[in-house]
């Protein structure tokens, strides 16, 4: 699925909100430091992103900073699509 960064952000937002039952989620909510997503959750999220957006995340991409907020995740997807 390819779309704009805004669509991507909305899709990631919706996925995380529903998957992790985060009714108070905001685009700048801290996903790790709040405990909303744990290490198993990040593995599921990475798999979902790679499959849905047809991207490959390498070791350098797997920093907490790239997954701390919905905005950071959307930026990562955008960068990987443009590689």
PDB file of N, CA and C in Angstrom:
ATOM      1  N   UNK A   1       0.846  -1.169   0.000  1.00  0.00           N
ATOM      2  CA  UNK A   1       0.000   0.000   0.000  1.00  0.00           C
ATOM      3  C   UNK A   1       0.895   1.236   0.000  1.00  0.00           C
ATOM      4  N   UNK A   2       0.674   2.099  -0.950  1.00  0.00           N
ATOM      5  CA  UNK A   2       1.433   3.337  -1.034  1.00  0.00           C
ATOM      6  C   UNK A   2       0.452   4.490  -0.930  1.00  0.00           C
ATOM      7  N   UNK A   3       0.867   5.504  -0.255  1.00  0.00           N
ATOM      8  CA  UNK A   3       0.030   6.684  -0.099  1.00  0.00           C
ATOM      9  C   UNK A   3       0.873   7.806   0.436  1.00  0.00           C
ATOM     10  N   UNK A   4       0.234   8.897   0.705  1.00  0.00           N
ATOM     11  CA  UNK A   4       0.956  10.047   1.217  1.00  0.00           C
ATOM     12  C   UNK A   4       1.400   9.814   2.658  1.00  0.00           C
ATOM     13  N   UNK A   5       2.320  10.673   3.102  1.00  0.00           N
ATOM     14  CA  UNK A   5       2.789  10.580   4.484  1.00  0.00           C
ATOM     15  C   UNK A   5       1.633  10.805   5.455  1.00  0.00           C
ATOM     16  N   UNK A   6       0.707  11.702   5.097  1.00  0.00           N
ATOM     17  CA  UNK A   6      -0.454  11.970   5.963  1.00  0.00           C
ATOM     18  C   UNK A   6      -1.324  10.725   6.086  1.00  0.00           C
ATOM     19  N   UNK A   7      -1.555  10.025   4.976  1.00  0.00           N
ATOM     20  CA  UNK A   7      -2.335   8.788   5.024  1.00  0.00           C
ATOM     21  C   UNK A   7      -1.625   7.744   5.847  1.00  0.00           C
ATOM     22  N   UNK A   8      -0.325   7.653   5.663  1.00  0.00           N
ATOM     23  CA  UNK A   8       0.492   6.698   6.402  1.00  0.00           C
ATOM     24  C   UNK A   8       0.382   6.974   7.901  1.00  0.00           C
ATOM     25  N   UNK A   9       0.511   8.234   8.277  1.00  0.00           N
ATOM     26  CA  UNK A   9       0.433   8.604   9.687  1.00  0.00           C
ATOM     27  C   UNK A   9      -0.939   8.239  10.253  1.00  0.00           C
ATOM     28  N   UNK A  10      -1.988   8.508   9.500  1.00  0.00           N
ATOM     29  CA  UNK A  10      -3.342   8.184   9.953  1.00  0.00           C
ATOM     30  C   UNK A  10      -3.516   6.675  10.104  1.00  0.00           C
ATOM     31  N   UNK A  11      -2.953   5.900   9.176  1.00  0.00           N
ATOM     32  CA  UNK A  11      -3.054   4.447   9.249  1.00  0.00           C
ATOM     33  C   UNK A  11      -2.295   3.894  10.448  1.00  0.00           C
ATOM     34  N   UNK A  12      -1.080   4.400  10.679  1.00  0.00           N
ATOM     35  CA  UNK A  12      -0.279   3.962  11.823  1.00  0.00           C
ATOM     36  C   UNK A  12      -0.991   4.339  13.121  1.00  0.00           C
ATOM     37  N   UNK A  13      -1.512   5.547  13.181  1.00  0.00           N
ATOM     38  CA  UNK A  13      -2.241   6.024  14.349  1.00  0.00           C
ATOM     39  C   UNK A  13      -3.410   5.085  14.658  1.00  0.00           C
ATOM     40  N   UNK A  14      -4.207   4.791  13.645  1.00  0.00           N
ATOM     41  CA  UNK A  14      -5.379   3.921  13.802  1.00  0.00           C
ATOM     42  C   UNK A  14      -4.958   2.512  14.235  1.00  0.00           C
ATOM     43  N   UNK A  15      -3.915   1.976  13.605  1.00  0.00           N
ATOM     44  CA  UNK A  15      -3.441   0.627  13.937  1.00  0.00           C
ATOM     45  C   UNK A  15      -3.022   0.547  15.406  1.00  0.00           C
ATOM     46  N   UNK A  16      -2.186   1.492  15.835  1.00  0.00           N
ATOM     47  CA  UNK A  16      -1.690   1.462  17.214  1.00  0.00           C
ATOM     48  C   UNK A  16      -2.830   1.682  18.204  1.00  0.00           C
ATOM     49  N   UNK A  17      -3.704   2.607  17.905  1.00  0.00           N
ATOM     50  CA  UNK A  17      -4.826   2.903  18.796  1.00  0.00           C
ATOM     51  C   UNK A  17      -5.702   1.676  19.002  1.00  0.00           C
ATOM     52  N   UNK A  18      -5.987   0.961  17.905  1.00  0.00           N
ATOM     53  CA  UNK A  18      -6.843  -0.218  17.990  1.00  0.00           C
ATOM     54  C   UNK A  18      -6.102  -1.431  18.546  1.00  0.00           C
ATOM     55  N   UNK A  19      -4.914  -1.687  18.066  1.00  0.00           N
ATOM     56  CA  UNK A  19      -4.146  -2.877  18.465  1.00  0.00           C
ATOM     57  C   UNK A  19      -3.807  -2.860  19.951  1.00  0.00           C
ATOM     58  N   UNK A  20      -3.441  -1.680  20.459  1.00  0.00           N
ATOM     59  CA  UNK A  20      -2.991  -1.575  21.849  1.00  0.00           C
ATOM     60  C   UNK A  20      -4.026  -0.898  22.750  1.00  0.00           C
ATOM     61  N   UNK A  21      -5.250  -0.751  22.225  1.00  0.00           N
ATOM     62  CA  UNK A  21      -6.374  -0.201  22.993  1.00  0.00           C
ATOM     63  C   UNK A  21      -5.992   1.107  23.686  1.00  0.00           C
ATOM     64  N   UNK A  22      -5.438   2.014  22.904  1.00  0.00           N
ATOM     65  CA  UNK A  22      -4.967   3.303  23.433  1.00  0.00           C
ATOM     66  C   UNK A  22      -5.955   4.405  23.048  1.00  0.00           C
ATOM     67  N   UNK A  23      -7.017   4.529  23.790  1.00  0.00           N
ATOM     68  CA  UNK A  23      -8.035   5.516  23.473  1.00  0.00           C
ATOM     69  C   UNK A  23      -7.546   6.950  23.620  1.00  0.00           C
ATOM     70  N   UNK A  24      -6.533   7.184  24.450  1.00  0.00           N
ATOM     71  CA  UNK A  24      -5.999   8.535  24.667  1.00  0.00           C
ATOM     72  C   UNK A  24      -4.814   8.851  23.764  1.00  0.00           C
ATOM     73  N   UNK A  25      -4.546   8.010  22.772  1.00  0.00           N
ATOM     74  CA  UNK A  25      -3.379   8.184  21.910  1.00  0.00           C
ATOM     75  C   UNK A  25      -3.432   9.507  21.160  1.00  0.00           C
ATOM     76  N   UNK A  26      -2.291  10.178  21.127  1.00  0.00           N
ATOM     77  CA  UNK A  26      -2.103  11.378  20.321  1.00  0.00           C
ATOM     78  C   UNK A  26      -0.889  11.124  19.436  1.00  0.00           C
ATOM     79  N   UNK A  27      -0.757  11.903  18.365  1.00  0.00           N
ATOM     80  CA  UNK A  27       0.353  11.696  17.438  1.00  0.00           C
ATOM     81  C   UNK A  27       1.708  11.841  18.108  1.00  0.00           C
ATOM     82  N   UNK A  28       1.769  12.616  19.183  1.00  0.00           N
ATOM     83  CA  UNK A  28       3.050  12.817  19.857  1.00  0.00           C
ATOM     84  C   UNK A  28       3.140  12.062  21.187  1.00  0.00           C
ATOM     85  N   UNK A  29       2.221  11.115  21.409  1.00  0.00           N
ATOM     86  CA  UNK A  29       2.287  10.292  22.624  1.00  0.00           C
ATOM     87  C   UNK A  29       3.551   9.446  22.611  1.00  0.00           C
ATOM     88  N   UNK A  30       4.225   9.362  23.755  1.00  0.00           N
ATOM     89  CA  UNK A  30       5.430   8.548  23.888  1.00  0.00           C
ATOM     90  C   UNK A  30       5.026   7.087  24.034  1.00  0.00           C
ATOM     91  N   UNK A  31       5.288   6.300  23.019  1.00  0.00           N
ATOM     92  CA  UNK A  31       4.819   4.912  22.991  1.00  0.00           C
ATOM     93  C   UNK A  31       5.630   3.999  23.899  1.00  0.00           C
ATOM     94  N   UNK A  32       6.945   4.195  23.964  1.00  0.00           N
ATOM     95  CA  UNK A  32       7.795   3.338  24.790  1.00  0.00           C
ATOM     96  C   UNK A  32       7.836   3.801  26.234  1.00  0.00           C
ATOM     97  N   UNK A  33       8.147   5.068  26.416  1.00  0.00           N
ATOM     98  CA  UNK A  33       8.322   5.544  27.787  1.00  0.00           C
ATOM     99  C   UNK A  33       7.026   5.492  28.580  1.00  0.00           C
ATOM    100  N   UNK A  34       5.896   5.518  27.887  1.00  0.00           N
ATOM    101  CA  UNK A  34       4.607   5.404  28.577  1.00  0.00           C
ATOM    102  C   UNK A  34       4.274   3.946  28.881  1.00  0.00           C
ATOM    103  N   UNK A  35       5.020   3.026  28.260  1.00  0.00           N
ATOM    104  CA  UNK A  35       4.746   1.608  28.452  1.00  0.00           C
ATOM    105  C   UNK A  35       3.635   1.092  27.559  1.00  0.00           C
ATOM    106  N   UNK A  36       3.180   1.903  26.632  1.00  0.00           N
ATOM    107  CA  UNK A  36       2.083   1.504  25.750  1.00  0.00           C
ATOM    108  C   UNK A  36       2.471   0.333  24.850  1.00  0.00           C
ATOM    109  N   UNK A  37       3.720   0.323  24.398  1.00  0.00           N
ATOM    110  CA  UNK A  37       4.207  -0.752  23.542  1.00  0.00           C
ATOM    111  C   UNK A  37       5.455  -1.336  24.190  1.00  0.00           C
ATOM    112  N   UNK A  38       5.460  -2.646  24.361  1.00  0.00           N
ATOM    113  CA  UNK A  38       6.623  -3.316  24.942  1.00  0.00           C
ATOM    114  C   UNK A  38       7.448  -3.960  23.833  1.00  0.00           C
ATOM    115  N   UNK A  39       8.448  -4.729  24.203  1.00  0.00           N
ATOM    116  CA  UNK A  39       9.348  -5.317  23.208  1.00  0.00           C
ATOM    117  C   UNK A  39       8.626  -6.285  22.266  1.00  0.00           C
ATOM    118  N   UNK A  40       7.642  -7.013  22.772  1.00  0.00           N
ATOM    119  CA  UNK A  40       6.877  -7.905  21.892  1.00  0.00           C
ATOM    120  C   UNK A  40       5.998  -7.101  20.952  1.00  0.00           C
ATOM    121  N   UNK A  41       5.454  -6.015  21.462  1.00  0.00           N
ATOM    122  CA  UNK A  41       4.620  -5.148  20.640  1.00  0.00           C
ATOM    123  C   UNK A  41       5.393  -4.524  19.506  1.00  0.00           C
ATOM    124  N   UNK A  42       6.642  -4.152  19.764  1.00  0.00           N
ATOM    125  CA  UNK A  42       7.447  -3.540  18.713  1.00  0.00           C
ATOM    126  C   UNK A  42       7.755  -4.545  17.612  1.00  0.00           C
ATOM    127  N   UNK A  43       7.944  -5.802  17.977  1.00  0.00           N
ATOM    128  CA  UNK A  43       8.181  -6.837  16.964  1.00  0.00           C
ATOM    129  C   UNK A  43       6.954  -6.977  16.064  1.00  0.00           C
ATOM    130  N   UNK A  44       5.780  -6.984  16.667  1.00  0.00           N
ATOM    131  CA  UNK A  44       4.536  -7.045  15.882  1.00  0.00           C
ATOM    132  C   UNK A  44       4.402  -5.819  14.989  1.00  0.00           C
ATOM    133  N   UNK A  45       4.713  -4.660  15.533  1.00  0.00           N
ATOM    134  CA  UNK A  45       4.597  -3.422  14.775  1.00  0.00           C
ATOM    135  C   UNK A  45       5.566  -3.405  13.594  1.00  0.00           C
ATOM    136  N   UNK A  46       6.790  -3.823  13.814  1.00  0.00           N
ATOM    137  CA  UNK A  46       7.785  -3.870  12.737  1.00  0.00           C
ATOM    138  C   UNK A  46       7.308  -4.788  11.615  1.00  0.00           C
ATOM    139  N   UNK A  47       6.822  -5.949  11.977  1.00  0.00           N
ATOM    140  CA  UNK A  47       6.311  -6.894  10.981  1.00  0.00           C
ATOM    141  C   UNK A  47       5.149  -6.287  10.195  1.00  0.00           C
ATOM    142  N   UNK A  48       4.246  -5.643  10.890  1.00  0.00           N
ATOM    143  CA  UNK A  48       3.100  -4.994  10.244  1.00  0.00           C
ATOM    144  C   UNK A  48       3.559  -3.908   9.272  1.00  0.00           C
ATOM    145  N   UNK A  49       4.491  -3.081   9.698  1.00  0.00           N
ATOM    146  CA  UNK A  49       4.977  -1.997   8.835  1.00  0.00           C
ATOM    147  C   UNK A  49       5.680  -2.535   7.599  1.00  0.00           C
ATOM    148  N   UNK A  50       6.542  -3.537   7.783  1.00  0.00           N
ATOM    149  CA  UNK A  50       7.263  -4.107   6.637  1.00  0.00           C
ATOM    150  C   UNK A  50       6.298  -4.728   5.640  1.00  0.00           C
ATOM    151  N   UNK A  51       5.307  -5.434   6.124  1.00  0.00           N
ATOM    152  CA  UNK A  51       4.347  -6.080   5.224  1.00  0.00           C
ATOM    153  C   UNK A  51       3.422  -5.074   4.553  1.00  0.00           C
ATOM    154  N   UNK A  52       2.879  -4.169   5.314  1.00  0.00           N
ATOM    155  CA  UNK A  52       1.901  -3.223   4.776  1.00  0.00           C
ATOM    156  C   UNK A  52       2.524  -2.236   3.796  1.00  0.00           C
ATOM    157  N   UNK A  53       3.708  -1.728   4.138  1.00  0.00           N
ATOM    158  CA  UNK A  53       4.315  -0.674   3.323  1.00  0.00           C
ATOM    159  C   UNK A  53       5.420  -1.179   2.410  1.00  0.00           C
ATOM    160  N   UNK A  54       5.637  -2.499   2.397  1.00  0.00           N
ATOM    161  CA  UNK A  54       6.643  -3.114   1.509  1.00  0.00           C
ATOM    162  C   UNK A  54       8.010  -2.458   1.675  1.00  0.00           C
ATOM    163  N   UNK A  55       8.424  -2.326   2.946  1.00  0.00           N
ATOM    164  CA  UNK A  55       9.728  -1.759   3.267  1.00  0.00           C
ATOM    165  C   UNK A  55      10.520  -2.795   4.053  1.00  0.00           C
ATOM    166  N   UNK A  56      11.825  -2.592   4.116  1.00  0.00           N
ATOM    167  CA  UNK A  56      12.679  -3.446   4.937  1.00  0.00           C
ATOM    168  C   UNK A  56      13.368  -2.563   5.961  1.00  0.00           C
ATOM    169  N   UNK A  57      13.188  -2.902   7.222  1.00  0.00           N
ATOM    170  CA  UNK A  57      13.838  -2.152   8.296  1.00  0.00           C
ATOM    171  C   UNK A  57      15.110  -2.884   8.702  1.00  0.00           C
ATOM    172  N   UNK A  58      16.242  -2.192   8.600  1.00  0.00           N
ATOM    173  CA  UNK A  58      17.514  -2.801   8.973  1.00  0.00           C
ATOM    174  C   UNK A  58      17.874  -2.410  10.403  1.00  0.00           C
ATOM    175  N   UNK A  59      18.996  -2.885  10.881  1.00  0.00           N
ATOM    176  CA  UNK A  59      19.408  -2.649  12.270  1.00  0.00           C
ATOM    177  C   UNK A  59      19.456  -1.167  12.625  1.00  0.00           C
ATOM    178  N   UNK A  60      19.940  -0.343  11.702  1.00  0.00           N
ATOM    179  CA  UNK A  60      20.042   1.088  11.973  1.00  0.00           C
ATOM    180  C   UNK A  60      18.675   1.736  12.161  1.00  0.00           C
ATOM    181  N   UNK A  61      17.643   1.148  11.572  1.00  0.00           N
ATOM    182  CA  UNK A  61      16.285   1.700  11.674  1.00  0.00           C
ATOM    183  C   UNK A  61      15.613   1.373  13.006  1.00  0.00           C
ATOM    184  N   UNK A  62      16.162   0.409  13.723  1.00  0.00           N
ATOM    185  CA  UNK A  62      15.477  -0.119  14.901  1.00  0.00           C
ATOM    186  C   UNK A  62      15.849   0.602  16.196  1.00  0.00           C
ATOM    187  N   UNK A  63      15.966   1.897  16.130  1.00  0.00           N
ATOM    188  CA  UNK A  63      16.233   2.675  17.341  1.00  0.00           C
ATOM    189  C   UNK A  63      14.903   3.118  17.947  1.00  0.00           C
ATOM    190  N   UNK A  64      14.895   3.298  19.263  1.00  0.00           N
ATOM    191  CA  UNK A  64      13.668   3.726  19.935  1.00  0.00           C
ATOM    192  C   UNK A  64      13.162   5.046  19.372  1.00  0.00           C
ATOM    193  N   UNK A  65      14.068   5.916  18.995  1.00  0.00           N
ATOM    194  CA  UNK A  65      13.667   7.210  18.454  1.00  0.00           C
ATOM    195  C   UNK A  65      12.784   7.100  17.232  1.00  0.00           C
ATOM    196  N   UNK A  66      12.998   6.076  16.411  1.00  0.00           N
ATOM    197  CA  UNK A  66      12.184   5.877  15.206  1.00  0.00           C
ATOM    198  C   UNK A  66      10.794   5.330  15.515  1.00  0.00           C
ATOM    199  N   UNK A  67      10.577   4.881  16.740  1.00  0.00           N
ATOM    200  CA  UNK A  67       9.299   4.265  17.103  1.00  0.00           C
ATOM    201  C   UNK A  67       8.650   4.913  18.329  1.00  0.00           C
ATOM    202  N   UNK A  68       9.199   6.023  18.797  1.00  0.00           N
ATOM    203  CA  UNK A  68       8.699   6.626  20.036  1.00  0.00           C
ATOM    204  C   UNK A  68       7.327   7.268  19.889  1.00  0.00           C
ATOM    205  N   UNK A  69       7.030   7.820  18.702  1.00  0.00           N
ATOM    206  CA  UNK A  69       5.730   8.450  18.469  1.00  0.00           C
ATOM    207  C   UNK A  69       5.188   8.021  17.109  1.00  0.00           C
ATOM    208  N   UNK A  70       3.911   8.265  16.896  1.00  0.00           N
ATOM    209  CA  UNK A  70       3.303   7.992  15.586  1.00  0.00           C
ATOM    210  C   UNK A  70       4.001   8.825  14.520  1.00  0.00           C
ATOM    211  N   UNK A  71       4.295  10.066  14.832  1.00  0.00           N
ATOM    212  CA  UNK A  71       4.990  10.954  13.891  1.00  0.00           C
ATOM    213  C   UNK A  71       6.350  10.373  13.497  1.00  0.00           C
ATOM    214  N   UNK A  72       7.105   9.879  14.471  1.00  0.00           N
ATOM    215  CA  UNK A  72       8.421   9.295  14.195  1.00  0.00           C
ATOM    216  C   UNK A  72       8.298   8.059  13.304  1.00  0.00           C
ATOM    217  N   UNK A  73       7.289   7.244  13.552  1.00  0.00           N
ATOM    218  CA  UNK A  73       7.064   6.044  12.732  1.00  0.00           C
ATOM    219  C   UNK A  73       6.716   6.439  11.308  1.00  0.00           C
ATOM    220  N   UNK A  74       5.841   7.424  11.138  1.00  0.00           N
ATOM    221  CA  UNK A  74       5.470   7.889   9.797  1.00  0.00           C
ATOM    222  C   UNK A  74       6.685   8.452   9.066  1.00  0.00           C
ATOM    223  N   UNK A  75       7.545   9.175   9.776  1.00  0.00           N
ATOM    224  CA  UNK A  75       8.770   9.706   9.162  1.00  0.00           C
ATOM    225  C   UNK A  75       9.695   8.573   8.720  1.00  0.00           C
ATOM    226  N   UNK A  76       9.814   7.541   9.544  1.00  0.00           N
ATOM    227  CA  UNK A  76      10.638   6.382   9.192  1.00  0.00           C
ATOM    228  C   UNK A  76      10.104   5.706   7.930  1.00  0.00           C
ATOM    229  N   UNK A  77       8.821   5.476   7.862  1.00  0.00           N
ATOM    230  CA  UNK A  77       8.213   4.837   6.686  1.00  0.00           C
ATOM    231  C   UNK A  77       8.468   5.692   5.457  1.00  0.00           C
ATOM    232  N   UNK A  78       8.275   6.994   5.583  1.00  0.00           N
ATOM    233  CA  UNK A  78       8.502   7.902   4.468  1.00  0.00           C
ATOM    234  C   UNK A  78       9.939   7.836   3.963  1.00  0.00           C
ATOM    235  N   UNK A  79      10.902   7.828   4.907  1.00  0.00           N
ATOM    236  CA  UNK A  79      12.319   7.722   4.515  1.00  0.00           C
ATOM    237  C   UNK A  79      12.595   6.414   3.799  1.00  0.00           C
ATOM    238  N   UNK A  80      12.070   5.305   4.340  1.00  0.00           N
ATOM    239  CA  UNK A  80      12.330   3.990   3.750  1.00  0.00           C
ATOM    240  C   UNK A  80      11.689   3.863   2.364  1.00  0.00           C
ATOM    241  N   UNK A  81      10.557   4.451   2.166  1.00  0.00           N
ATOM    242  CA  UNK A  81       9.909   4.422   0.854  1.00  0.00           C
ATOM    243  C   UNK A  81      10.729   5.169  -0.190  1.00  0.00           C
ATOM    244  N   UNK A  82      11.458   6.173   0.258  1.00  0.00           N
ATOM    245  CA  UNK A  82      12.235   7.007  -0.654  1.00  0.00           C
ATOM    246  C   UNK A  82      13.684   6.569  -0.795  1.00  0.00           C
ATOM    247  N   UNK A  83      14.049   5.454  -0.170  1.00  0.00           N
ATOM    248  CA  UNK A  83      15.423   4.928  -0.293  1.00  0.00           C
ATOM    249  C   UNK A  83      15.662   4.391  -1.686  1.00  0.00           C
TER     250      UNK A  83
END
